[in-house]
Amino acid sequence: MTLPRSVARLNEELMRLPGIGPKTAARLAYYLLRAPENEVRALGEALLELRSQTRFCSECFTMTDADVDPCAICRDEARDRGVLCVVEAPLDVEAIERTQEYRGRYHVLHGAISPVEGVGPEHLRIRELLERIDRGGVQEVIFATNASLEGEATAMYLRRQLEGKGLRLTRLARGLPVGGDLEYADETTLARAIAGRSDM
């Protein structure tokens, strides 16, 4: 079956998105073809607005409105300027903020070191992190990169860069999820849970 050019083009564009394969792209295109025109227009306008009305904070590099820089977190005087949490992506900031437990600042790297994918330290916001720390005021850096090979490599690289600067360097605790059964935990997670055990 030969698809109309507009459908084929939409499929190609949708497949550029992470997690969207050919079948999902086709389903979405078909859905949009049948959707009311006002819904399709609203989606198109939201996509255009995303690009024109959103930017990255000039201080921490998380998402912010185009007319708000630095972001609300960086402007918040009640937050602890001495603690900096380093994350891979803006969505990680949102996840930590949902806990309502952390009151420090953030620094978003926009990725992790991955030689396989050709991503080196120069592709991340590491230079800006080091400049920020050199300006003073930071006493602790929390590495909150993902528990993956890339996330661990990034945390280790940053630790080496920051050693000798008189900072407390910490890593998010790793362990068992709430509601998880021991029998289903992998060895690495279980080992980290045992090593990071705390007093009751």
N, C-alpha and C. Protein backbone atom coordinates (compact mmCIF):
# COMPACT_ATOMS: atom_id res chain seq x y z
N MET A 1 0.85 -1.19 0.00
CA MET A 1 0.00 0.00 0.00
C MET A 1 0.89 1.24 0.00
N THR A 2 0.62 2.14 -0.92
CA THR A 2 1.36 3.38 -0.99
C THR A 2 0.64 4.44 -0.18
N LEU A 3 1.33 5.01 0.81
CA LEU A 3 0.73 6.03 1.66
C LEU A 3 0.73 7.37 0.95
N PRO A 4 -0.27 8.19 1.22
CA PRO A 4 -0.22 9.56 0.71
C PRO A 4 1.04 10.25 1.22
N ARG A 5 1.59 11.17 0.45
CA ARG A 5 2.84 11.83 0.81
C ARG A 5 2.78 12.48 2.19
N SER A 6 1.66 13.14 2.52
CA SER A 6 1.55 13.84 3.80
C SER A 6 1.59 12.85 4.97
N VAL A 7 0.98 11.69 4.81
CA VAL A 7 0.99 10.68 5.87
C VAL A 7 2.39 10.09 6.01
N ALA A 8 3.02 9.80 4.90
CA ALA A 8 4.38 9.24 4.94
C ALA A 8 5.34 10.24 5.61
N ARG A 9 5.19 11.52 5.29
CA ARG A 9 6.06 12.54 5.90
C ARG A 9 5.83 12.63 7.39
N LEU A 10 4.56 12.61 7.82
CA LEU A 10 4.25 12.67 9.24
C LEU A 10 4.83 11.46 9.96
N ASN A 11 4.70 10.28 9.35
CA ASN A 11 5.28 9.07 9.93
C ASN A 11 6.79 9.23 10.14
N GLU A 12 7.47 9.74 9.13
CA GLU A 12 8.93 9.94 9.22
C GLU A 12 9.27 10.90 10.36
N GLU A 13 8.52 11.98 10.48
CA GLU A 13 8.80 12.97 11.54
C GLU A 13 8.50 12.39 12.91
N LEU A 14 7.41 11.65 13.04
CA LEU A 14 7.07 11.05 14.33
C LEU A 14 8.12 10.01 14.76
N MET A 15 8.68 9.28 13.80
CA MET A 15 9.67 8.26 14.14
C MET A 15 10.99 8.86 14.63
N ARG A 16 11.18 10.17 14.45
CA ARG A 16 12.37 10.84 14.99
C ARG A 16 12.27 11.00 16.50
N LEU A 17 11.06 10.91 17.03
CA LEU A 17 10.85 11.08 18.47
C LEU A 17 11.30 9.82 19.20
N PRO A 18 11.86 9.98 20.41
CA PRO A 18 12.31 8.80 21.16
C PRO A 18 11.15 7.89 21.51
N GLY A 19 11.34 6.60 21.31
CA GLY A 19 10.34 5.60 21.68
C GLY A 19 9.23 5.42 20.65
N ILE A 20 9.31 6.12 19.53
CA ILE A 20 8.26 6.00 18.49
C ILE A 20 8.83 5.22 17.33
N GLY A 21 8.30 4.02 17.13
CA GLY A 21 8.70 3.18 16.00
C GLY A 21 7.70 3.32 14.86
N PRO A 22 7.89 2.55 13.79
CA PRO A 22 7.01 2.66 12.62
C PRO A 22 5.53 2.40 12.92
N LYS A 23 5.24 1.39 13.74
CA LYS A 23 3.83 1.07 14.03
C LYS A 23 3.16 2.16 14.86
N THR A 24 3.87 2.63 15.88
CA THR A 24 3.30 3.70 16.71
C THR A 24 3.12 4.97 15.88
N ALA A 25 4.09 5.28 15.04
CA ALA A 25 3.98 6.47 14.18
C ALA A 25 2.77 6.35 13.27
N ALA A 26 2.56 5.18 12.70
CA ALA A 26 1.41 4.98 11.81
C ALA A 26 0.09 5.13 12.58
N ARG A 27 0.03 4.58 13.80
CA ARG A 27 -1.20 4.70 14.61
C ARG A 27 -1.48 6.16 14.95
N LEU A 28 -0.42 6.91 15.33
CA LEU A 28 -0.62 8.31 15.66
C LEU A 28 -1.06 9.12 14.44
N ALA A 29 -0.44 8.85 13.30
CA ALA A 29 -0.82 9.56 12.06
C ALA A 29 -2.27 9.27 11.71
N TYR A 30 -2.67 8.03 11.83
CA TYR A 30 -4.06 7.65 11.53
C TYR A 30 -5.02 8.32 12.51
N TYR A 31 -4.64 8.36 13.79
CA TYR A 31 -5.47 9.03 14.79
C TYR A 31 -5.65 10.50 14.43
N LEU A 32 -4.52 11.18 14.09
CA LEU A 32 -4.60 12.60 13.76
C LEU A 32 -5.40 12.86 12.49
N LEU A 33 -5.36 11.93 11.57
CA LEU A 33 -6.14 12.05 10.33
C LEU A 33 -7.64 12.04 10.62
N ARG A 34 -8.04 11.27 11.64
CA ARG A 34 -9.47 11.17 11.98
C ARG A 34 -9.90 12.17 13.04
N ALA A 35 -8.95 12.79 13.75
CA ALA A 35 -9.28 13.71 14.84
C ALA A 35 -9.93 14.98 14.29
N PRO A 36 -10.74 15.63 15.13
CA PRO A 36 -11.32 16.92 14.71
C PRO A 36 -10.21 17.93 14.38
N GLU A 37 -10.46 18.75 13.40
CA GLU A 37 -9.45 19.70 12.93
C GLU A 37 -8.94 20.61 14.05
N ASN A 38 -9.83 21.02 14.98
CA ASN A 38 -9.39 21.92 16.04
C ASN A 38 -8.38 21.23 16.98
N GLU A 39 -8.50 19.92 17.18
CA GLU A 39 -7.53 19.19 18.00
C GLU A 39 -6.17 19.13 17.31
N VAL A 40 -6.18 18.89 16.01
CA VAL A 40 -4.92 18.82 15.25
C VAL A 40 -4.25 20.19 15.23
N ARG A 41 -5.04 21.24 15.02
CA ARG A 41 -4.48 22.59 15.03
C ARG A 41 -3.91 22.94 16.41
N ALA A 42 -4.62 22.54 17.47
CA ALA A 42 -4.14 22.82 18.83
C ALA A 42 -2.80 22.11 19.07
N LEU A 43 -2.66 20.88 18.59
CA LEU A 43 -1.40 20.16 18.73
C LEU A 43 -0.28 20.89 17.97
N GLY A 44 -0.56 21.29 16.74
CA GLY A 44 0.43 22.01 15.94
C GLY A 44 0.85 23.31 16.60
N GLU A 45 -0.12 24.05 17.14
CA GLU A 45 0.18 25.31 17.82
C GLU A 45 1.00 25.08 19.09
N ALA A 46 0.69 24.00 19.82
CA ALA A 46 1.44 23.69 21.04
C ALA A 46 2.89 23.36 20.70
N LEU A 47 3.11 22.64 19.59
CA LEU A 47 4.48 22.32 19.17
C LEU A 47 5.25 23.58 18.79
N LEU A 48 4.61 24.49 18.06
CA LEU A 48 5.27 25.74 17.69
C LEU A 48 5.54 26.61 18.91
N GLU A 49 4.57 26.64 19.85
CA GLU A 49 4.74 27.43 21.07
C GLU A 49 5.87 26.88 21.93
N LEU A 50 6.01 25.56 21.93
CA LEU A 50 7.10 24.93 22.69
C LEU A 50 8.44 25.53 22.29
N ARG A 51 8.65 25.68 21.00
CA ARG A 51 9.93 26.21 20.52
C ARG A 51 10.07 27.71 20.75
N SER A 52 8.98 28.45 20.62
CA SER A 52 9.10 29.90 20.71
C SER A 52 8.96 30.43 22.14
N GLN A 53 8.28 29.70 23.02
CA GLN A 53 7.99 30.20 24.36
C GLN A 53 8.77 29.50 25.47
N THR A 54 9.68 28.60 25.11
CA THR A 54 10.45 27.86 26.11
C THR A 54 11.93 28.01 25.82
N ARG A 55 12.72 28.10 26.87
CA ARG A 55 14.17 28.18 26.71
C ARG A 55 14.82 27.43 27.86
N PHE A 56 16.14 27.36 27.87
CA PHE A 56 16.85 26.75 28.98
C PHE A 56 17.40 27.87 29.86
N CYS A 57 17.29 27.68 31.16
CA CYS A 57 17.77 28.65 32.14
C CYS A 57 19.27 28.91 31.90
N SER A 58 19.69 30.15 31.95
CA SER A 58 21.09 30.50 31.70
C SER A 58 22.00 30.12 32.86
N GLU A 59 21.41 29.76 34.01
CA GLU A 59 22.22 29.39 35.16
C GLU A 59 22.28 27.88 35.36
N CYS A 60 21.12 27.22 35.42
CA CYS A 60 21.11 25.77 35.72
C CYS A 60 20.79 24.90 34.51
N PHE A 61 20.27 25.50 33.44
CA PHE A 61 19.98 24.82 32.17
C PHE A 61 18.77 23.90 32.22
N THR A 62 17.85 24.14 33.16
CA THR A 62 16.58 23.44 33.11
C THR A 62 15.63 24.26 32.24
N MET A 63 14.44 23.74 32.00
CA MET A 63 13.47 24.44 31.15
C MET A 63 12.85 25.61 31.91
N THR A 64 12.59 26.69 31.18
CA THR A 64 11.90 27.84 31.74
C THR A 64 11.14 28.55 30.63
N ASP A 65 10.21 29.41 31.02
CA ASP A 65 9.51 30.21 30.02
C ASP A 65 10.50 31.16 29.37
N ALA A 66 10.24 31.49 28.12
CA ALA A 66 11.17 32.34 27.35
C ALA A 66 11.41 33.68 28.01
N ASP A 67 10.42 34.19 28.74
CA ASP A 67 10.56 35.52 29.36
C ASP A 67 10.97 35.43 30.84
N VAL A 68 11.35 34.24 31.30
CA VAL A 68 11.75 34.06 32.71
C VAL A 68 13.15 33.45 32.74
N ASP A 69 14.14 34.30 33.01
CA ASP A 69 15.52 33.81 33.09
C ASP A 69 16.29 34.66 34.09
N PRO A 70 16.89 34.06 35.12
CA PRO A 70 16.95 32.63 35.37
C PRO A 70 15.59 32.07 35.80
N CYS A 71 15.54 30.74 35.87
CA CYS A 71 14.29 30.04 36.17
C CYS A 71 13.83 30.33 37.60
N ALA A 72 12.62 29.90 37.93
CA ALA A 72 12.04 30.14 39.25
C ALA A 72 12.87 29.51 40.36
N ILE A 73 13.45 28.34 40.12
CA ILE A 73 14.26 27.68 41.15
C ILE A 73 15.52 28.49 41.42
N CYS A 74 16.20 28.94 40.38
CA CYS A 74 17.42 29.71 40.56
C CYS A 74 17.15 31.06 41.22
N ARG A 75 15.98 31.64 40.99
CA ARG A 75 15.62 32.94 41.57
C ARG A 75 15.14 32.83 43.02
N ASP A 76 14.77 31.63 43.45
CA ASP A 76 14.20 31.42 44.77
C ASP A 76 15.27 31.60 45.85
N GLU A 77 15.20 32.72 46.58
CA GLU A 77 16.19 33.03 47.61
C GLU A 77 16.11 32.08 48.81
N ALA A 78 14.99 31.37 48.97
CA ALA A 78 14.84 30.45 50.09
C ALA A 78 15.60 29.14 49.87
N ARG A 79 16.04 28.91 48.64
CA ARG A 79 16.76 27.66 48.35
C ARG A 79 18.22 27.79 48.76
N ASP A 80 18.80 26.66 49.15
CA ASP A 80 20.18 26.62 49.63
C ASP A 80 21.15 26.71 48.46
N ARG A 81 21.87 27.82 48.37
CA ARG A 81 22.85 28.02 47.28
C ARG A 81 24.10 27.18 47.48
N GLY A 82 24.28 26.64 48.67
CA GLY A 82 25.47 25.86 48.96
C GLY A 82 25.41 24.41 48.50
N VAL A 83 24.21 23.96 48.10
CA VAL A 83 24.03 22.57 47.67
C VAL A 83 23.59 22.56 46.21
N LEU A 84 24.32 21.82 45.38
CA LEU A 84 24.05 21.75 43.95
C LEU A 84 23.83 20.31 43.54
N CYS A 85 22.68 20.02 42.99
CA CYS A 85 22.33 18.67 42.55
C CYS A 85 22.52 18.60 41.03
N VAL A 86 23.39 17.71 40.59
CA VAL A 86 23.71 17.57 39.16
C VAL A 86 22.90 16.42 38.58
N VAL A 87 22.09 16.74 37.56
CA VAL A 87 21.23 15.75 36.92
C VAL A 87 21.51 15.72 35.42
N GLU A 88 21.00 14.68 34.76
CA GLU A 88 21.22 14.53 33.32
C GLU A 88 20.25 15.35 32.48
N ALA A 89 18.98 15.48 32.93
CA ALA A 89 17.96 16.08 32.08
C ALA A 89 16.99 16.93 32.90
N PRO A 90 16.32 17.90 32.26
CA PRO A 90 15.33 18.71 32.97
C PRO A 90 14.22 17.87 33.62
N LEU A 91 13.86 16.74 33.04
CA LEU A 91 12.82 15.91 33.64
C LEU A 91 13.29 15.33 34.97
N ASP A 92 14.60 15.19 35.17
CA ASP A 92 15.13 14.73 36.45
C ASP A 92 14.88 15.79 37.53
N VAL A 93 14.98 17.06 37.16
CA VAL A 93 14.67 18.15 38.10
C VAL A 93 13.22 18.01 38.55
N GLU A 94 12.33 17.81 37.59
CA GLU A 94 10.91 17.67 37.92
C GLU A 94 10.67 16.50 38.86
N ALA A 95 11.35 15.38 38.62
CA ALA A 95 11.18 14.19 39.47
C ALA A 95 11.63 14.48 40.90
N ILE A 96 12.77 15.13 41.06
CA ILE A 96 13.27 15.44 42.41
C ILE A 96 12.37 16.47 43.08
N GLU A 97 11.91 17.45 42.35
CA GLU A 97 11.02 18.47 42.91
C GLU A 97 9.72 17.86 43.43
N ARG A 98 9.22 16.83 42.78
CA ARG A 98 7.97 16.19 43.23
C ARG A 98 8.10 15.60 44.63
N THR A 99 9.33 15.26 45.05
CA THR A 99 9.51 14.70 46.39
C THR A 99 9.31 15.74 47.48
N GLN A 100 9.48 17.01 47.14
CA GLN A 100 9.40 18.13 48.09
C GLN A 100 10.38 17.97 49.25
N GLU A 101 11.48 17.26 49.02
CA GLU A 101 12.48 17.02 50.06
C GLU A 101 13.75 17.83 49.83
N TYR A 102 14.05 18.18 48.60
CA TYR A 102 15.31 18.84 48.27
C TYR A 102 15.08 20.34 48.16
N ARG A 103 15.92 21.14 48.83
CA ARG A 103 15.78 22.60 48.83
C ARG A 103 17.02 23.31 48.31
N GLY A 104 17.89 22.60 47.59
CA GLY A 104 19.07 23.22 47.02
C GLY A 104 18.82 23.67 45.59
N ARG A 105 19.91 23.86 44.85
CA ARG A 105 19.86 24.27 43.45
C ARG A 105 20.20 23.09 42.55
N TYR A 106 20.10 23.28 41.26
CA TYR A 106 20.35 22.22 40.28
C TYR A 106 21.36 22.67 39.23
N HIS A 107 21.90 21.65 38.54
CA HIS A 107 22.67 21.88 37.32
C HIS A 107 22.34 20.73 36.37
N VAL A 108 21.81 21.05 35.20
CA VAL A 108 21.40 20.04 34.22
C VAL A 108 22.49 19.88 33.17
N LEU A 109 22.99 18.66 33.02
CA LEU A 109 24.07 18.38 32.07
C LEU A 109 23.58 18.23 30.62
N HIS A 110 22.34 17.86 30.43
CA HIS A 110 21.77 17.57 29.12
C HIS A 110 22.42 16.35 28.48
N GLY A 111 22.51 15.29 29.28
CA GLY A 111 23.02 14.02 28.77
C GLY A 111 24.01 13.40 29.72
N ALA A 112 24.63 12.34 29.25
CA ALA A 112 25.65 11.62 30.02
C ALA A 112 26.76 11.21 29.07
N ILE A 113 27.95 11.03 29.63
CA ILE A 113 29.09 10.62 28.82
C ILE A 113 28.83 9.22 28.27
N SER A 114 28.94 9.08 26.95
CA SER A 114 28.70 7.79 26.30
C SER A 114 29.58 7.69 25.06
N PRO A 115 30.78 7.12 25.22
CA PRO A 115 31.68 6.99 24.07
C PRO A 115 31.06 6.20 22.91
N VAL A 116 30.21 5.23 23.22
CA VAL A 116 29.55 4.42 22.18
C VAL A 116 28.69 5.30 21.27
N GLU A 117 28.03 6.29 21.88
CA GLU A 117 27.16 7.19 21.11
C GLU A 117 27.89 8.47 20.69
N GLY A 118 29.20 8.53 20.97
CA GLY A 118 29.97 9.71 20.57
C GLY A 118 29.74 10.92 21.44
N VAL A 119 29.27 10.71 22.68
CA VAL A 119 29.02 11.83 23.58
C VAL A 119 30.16 11.90 24.60
N GLY A 120 30.96 12.95 24.50
CA GLY A 120 32.06 13.16 25.43
C GLY A 120 31.74 14.31 26.37
N PRO A 121 32.61 14.59 27.32
CA PRO A 121 32.39 15.68 28.27
C PRO A 121 32.14 17.03 27.59
N GLU A 122 32.76 17.23 26.43
CA GLU A 122 32.61 18.50 25.71
C GLU A 122 31.20 18.71 25.15
N HIS A 123 30.40 17.65 25.09
CA HIS A 123 29.03 17.76 24.57
C HIS A 123 28.02 18.09 25.67
N LEU A 124 28.46 18.07 26.92
CA LEU A 124 27.58 18.30 28.05
C LEU A 124 27.85 19.67 28.67
N ARG A 125 27.04 20.07 29.62
CA ARG A 125 27.19 21.36 30.29
C ARG A 125 28.15 21.26 31.48
N ILE A 126 29.27 20.57 31.26
CA ILE A 126 30.26 20.37 32.32
C ILE A 126 31.11 21.62 32.52
N ARG A 127 31.50 22.27 31.44
CA ARG A 127 32.29 23.50 31.56
C ARG A 127 31.52 24.54 32.38
N GLU A 128 30.23 24.67 32.11
CA GLU A 128 29.41 25.62 32.86
C GLU A 128 29.30 25.24 34.33
N LEU A 129 29.25 23.93 34.61
CA LEU A 129 29.20 23.46 36.00
C LEU A 129 30.48 23.87 36.73
N LEU A 130 31.62 23.61 36.10
CA LEU A 130 32.90 23.95 36.73
C LEU A 130 33.04 25.45 36.94
N GLU A 131 32.59 26.25 35.99
CA GLU A 131 32.62 27.70 36.12
C GLU A 131 31.74 28.16 37.28
N ARG A 132 30.59 27.53 37.40
CA ARG A 132 29.65 27.86 38.47
C ARG A 132 30.26 27.58 39.84
N ILE A 133 30.92 26.45 39.95
CA ILE A 133 31.54 26.08 41.22
C ILE A 133 32.72 26.99 41.52
N ASP A 134 33.49 27.36 40.50
CA ASP A 134 34.64 28.24 40.69
C ASP A 134 34.23 29.65 41.17
N ARG A 135 33.00 30.05 40.87
CA ARG A 135 32.51 31.36 41.33
C ARG A 135 32.32 31.38 42.85
N GLY A 136 32.27 30.20 43.47
CA GLY A 136 32.17 30.11 44.92
C GLY A 136 30.75 29.97 45.42
N GLY A 137 30.66 29.63 46.71
CA GLY A 137 29.36 29.51 47.36
C GLY A 137 28.83 28.09 47.45
N VAL A 138 29.33 27.18 46.62
CA VAL A 138 28.86 25.80 46.65
C VAL A 138 29.73 25.00 47.62
N GLN A 139 29.07 24.30 48.54
CA GLN A 139 29.80 23.45 49.50
C GLN A 139 29.62 21.96 49.22
N GLU A 140 28.47 21.60 48.64
CA GLU A 140 28.20 20.19 48.36
C GLU A 140 27.66 20.03 46.95
N VAL A 141 28.16 19.00 46.26
CA VAL A 141 27.64 18.64 44.94
C VAL A 141 27.09 17.23 45.06
N ILE A 142 25.80 17.10 44.73
CA ILE A 142 25.13 15.79 44.75
C ILE A 142 25.08 15.28 43.32
N PHE A 143 25.66 14.12 43.07
CA PHE A 143 25.59 13.51 41.75
C PHE A 143 24.31 12.69 41.68
N ALA A 144 23.36 13.14 40.87
CA ALA A 144 22.08 12.46 40.72
C ALA A 144 21.90 11.98 39.28
N THR A 145 23.00 11.48 38.71
CA THR A 145 22.92 10.92 37.36
C THR A 145 22.29 9.53 37.45
N ASN A 146 21.84 9.02 36.33
CA ASN A 146 21.14 7.74 36.31
C ASN A 146 22.05 6.58 36.73
N ALA A 147 21.44 5.54 37.22
CA ALA A 147 22.18 4.34 37.64
C ALA A 147 22.44 3.44 36.44
N SER A 148 23.09 3.99 35.44
CA SER A 148 23.45 3.27 34.22
C SER A 148 24.95 3.38 34.04
N LEU A 149 25.51 2.64 33.09
CA LEU A 149 26.94 2.77 32.83
C LEU A 149 27.31 4.20 32.49
N GLU A 150 26.49 4.84 31.66
CA GLU A 150 26.76 6.23 31.25
C GLU A 150 26.65 7.18 32.44
N GLY A 151 25.61 6.98 33.26
CA GLY A 151 25.43 7.83 34.43
C GLY A 151 26.56 7.68 35.43
N GLU A 152 26.99 6.44 35.64
CA GLU A 152 28.11 6.19 36.57
C GLU A 152 29.40 6.78 36.02
N ALA A 153 29.64 6.62 34.72
CA ALA A 153 30.86 7.18 34.11
C ALA A 153 30.87 8.70 34.23
N THR A 154 29.71 9.32 34.04
CA THR A 154 29.60 10.77 34.15
C THR A 154 29.89 11.23 35.58
N ALA A 155 29.31 10.53 36.55
CA ALA A 155 29.54 10.88 37.96
C ALA A 155 31.01 10.73 38.33
N MET A 156 31.64 9.66 37.86
CA MET A 156 33.06 9.44 38.17
C MET A 156 33.93 10.52 37.51
N TYR A 157 33.61 10.88 36.28
CA TYR A 157 34.36 11.93 35.58
C TYR A 157 34.25 13.25 36.35
N LEU A 158 33.03 13.59 36.77
CA LEU A 158 32.81 14.84 37.51
C LEU A 158 33.52 14.82 38.86
N ARG A 159 33.50 13.67 39.52
CA ARG A 159 34.19 13.56 40.80
C ARG A 159 35.67 13.87 40.64
N ARG A 160 36.27 13.32 39.59
CA ARG A 160 37.69 13.58 39.34
C ARG A 160 37.95 15.07 39.05
N GLN A 161 37.03 15.70 38.34
CA GLN A 161 37.18 17.12 38.02
C GLN A 161 37.06 18.00 39.26
N LEU A 162 36.28 17.54 40.24
CA LEU A 162 35.98 18.38 41.41
C LEU A 162 36.82 18.06 42.64
N GLU A 163 37.57 16.98 42.58
CA GLU A 163 38.43 16.63 43.72
C GLU A 163 39.43 17.75 43.96
N GLY A 164 39.69 18.00 45.24
CA GLY A 164 40.66 19.03 45.58
C GLY A 164 40.08 20.43 45.63
N LYS A 165 38.79 20.58 45.40
CA LYS A 165 38.17 21.91 45.45
C LYS A 165 37.52 22.19 46.80
N GLY A 166 37.71 21.27 47.76
CA GLY A 166 37.17 21.48 49.10
C GLY A 166 35.66 21.32 49.18
N LEU A 167 35.09 20.53 48.28
CA LEU A 167 33.65 20.31 48.25
C LEU A 167 33.29 18.96 48.86
N ARG A 168 32.10 18.87 49.42
CA ARG A 168 31.55 17.58 49.80
C ARG A 168 30.92 17.00 48.53
N LEU A 169 31.37 15.84 48.11
CA LEU A 169 30.85 15.20 46.90
C LEU A 169 30.04 13.98 47.32
N THR A 170 28.74 13.98 46.98
CA THR A 170 27.86 12.89 47.38
C THR A 170 27.14 12.31 46.17
N ARG A 171 26.61 11.12 46.36
CA ARG A 171 25.87 10.41 45.31
C ARG A 171 24.53 10.03 45.89
N LEU A 172 23.48 10.09 45.10
CA LEU A 172 22.17 9.64 45.59
C LEU A 172 22.28 8.20 46.06
N ALA A 173 21.58 7.88 47.13
CA ALA A 173 21.57 6.51 47.63
C ALA A 173 20.91 5.59 46.61
N ARG A 174 21.38 4.36 46.57
CA ARG A 174 20.81 3.36 45.68
C ARG A 174 20.29 2.23 46.55
N GLY A 175 19.25 1.59 46.12
CA GLY A 175 18.75 0.47 46.91
C GLY A 175 17.44 -0.06 46.38
N LEU A 176 16.69 -0.65 47.28
CA LEU A 176 15.44 -1.32 46.91
C LEU A 176 14.30 -0.31 46.81
N PRO A 177 13.43 -0.48 45.81
CA PRO A 177 12.27 0.40 45.71
C PRO A 177 11.24 0.06 46.77
N VAL A 178 10.46 1.04 47.18
CA VAL A 178 9.38 0.81 48.13
C VAL A 178 8.39 -0.16 47.51
N GLY A 179 8.03 -1.19 48.24
CA GLY A 179 7.09 -2.20 47.75
C GLY A 179 7.74 -3.30 46.94
N GLY A 180 9.08 -3.23 46.78
CA GLY A 180 9.78 -4.25 46.00
C GLY A 180 10.07 -5.50 46.81
N ASP A 181 10.08 -6.64 46.18
CA ASP A 181 10.41 -7.91 46.82
C ASP A 181 11.88 -8.22 46.60
N LEU A 182 12.54 -8.70 47.66
CA LEU A 182 13.96 -9.03 47.58
C LEU A 182 14.26 -10.04 46.48
N GLU A 183 13.37 -11.01 46.32
CA GLU A 183 13.65 -12.08 45.36
C GLU A 183 13.72 -11.58 43.92
N TYR A 184 13.13 -10.41 43.65
CA TYR A 184 13.14 -9.88 42.28
C TYR A 184 14.23 -8.84 42.06
N ALA A 185 14.95 -8.47 43.12
CA ALA A 185 16.00 -7.45 42.99
C ALA A 185 17.23 -8.04 42.32
N ASP A 186 17.87 -7.27 41.44
CA ASP A 186 19.11 -7.74 40.82
C ASP A 186 20.25 -7.62 41.84
N GLU A 187 21.35 -8.31 41.56
CA GLU A 187 22.46 -8.39 42.50
C GLU A 187 23.07 -7.03 42.80
N THR A 188 23.21 -6.19 41.78
CA THR A 188 23.83 -4.88 41.99
C THR A 188 22.98 -4.01 42.91
N THR A 189 21.67 -3.98 42.67
CA THR A 189 20.77 -3.19 43.50
C THR A 189 20.78 -3.70 44.93
N LEU A 190 20.74 -5.01 45.10
CA LEU A 190 20.74 -5.60 46.43
C LEU A 190 22.06 -5.32 47.16
N ALA A 191 23.17 -5.41 46.44
CA ALA A 191 24.48 -5.13 47.04
C ALA A 191 24.56 -3.67 47.48
N ARG A 192 24.05 -2.76 46.68
CA ARG A 192 24.07 -1.34 47.05
C ARG A 192 23.16 -1.07 48.23
N ALA A 193 22.03 -1.77 48.29
CA ALA A 193 21.11 -1.61 49.41
C ALA A 193 21.77 -2.06 50.71
N ILE A 194 22.53 -3.16 50.65
CA ILE A 194 23.22 -3.65 51.84
C ILE A 194 24.34 -2.69 52.24
N ALA A 195 25.12 -2.24 51.27
CA ALA A 195 26.23 -1.32 51.56
C ALA A 195 25.73 0.02 52.08
N GLY A 196 24.58 0.47 51.61
CA GLY A 196 24.05 1.77 52.01
C GLY A 196 23.03 1.70 53.12
N ARG A 197 23.00 0.60 53.87
CA ARG A 197 22.00 0.43 54.93
C ARG A 197 22.16 1.54 55.98
N SER A 198 21.07 1.87 56.66
CA SER A 198 21.09 2.93 57.67
C SER A 198 20.52 2.42 58.99
N ASP A 199 20.84 3.14 60.06
CA ASP A 199 20.35 2.76 61.38
C ASP A 199 18.84 2.97 61.48
N MET A 200 18.21 2.12 62.29
CA MET A 200 16.76 2.24 62.52
C MET A 200 16.52 2.84 63.88
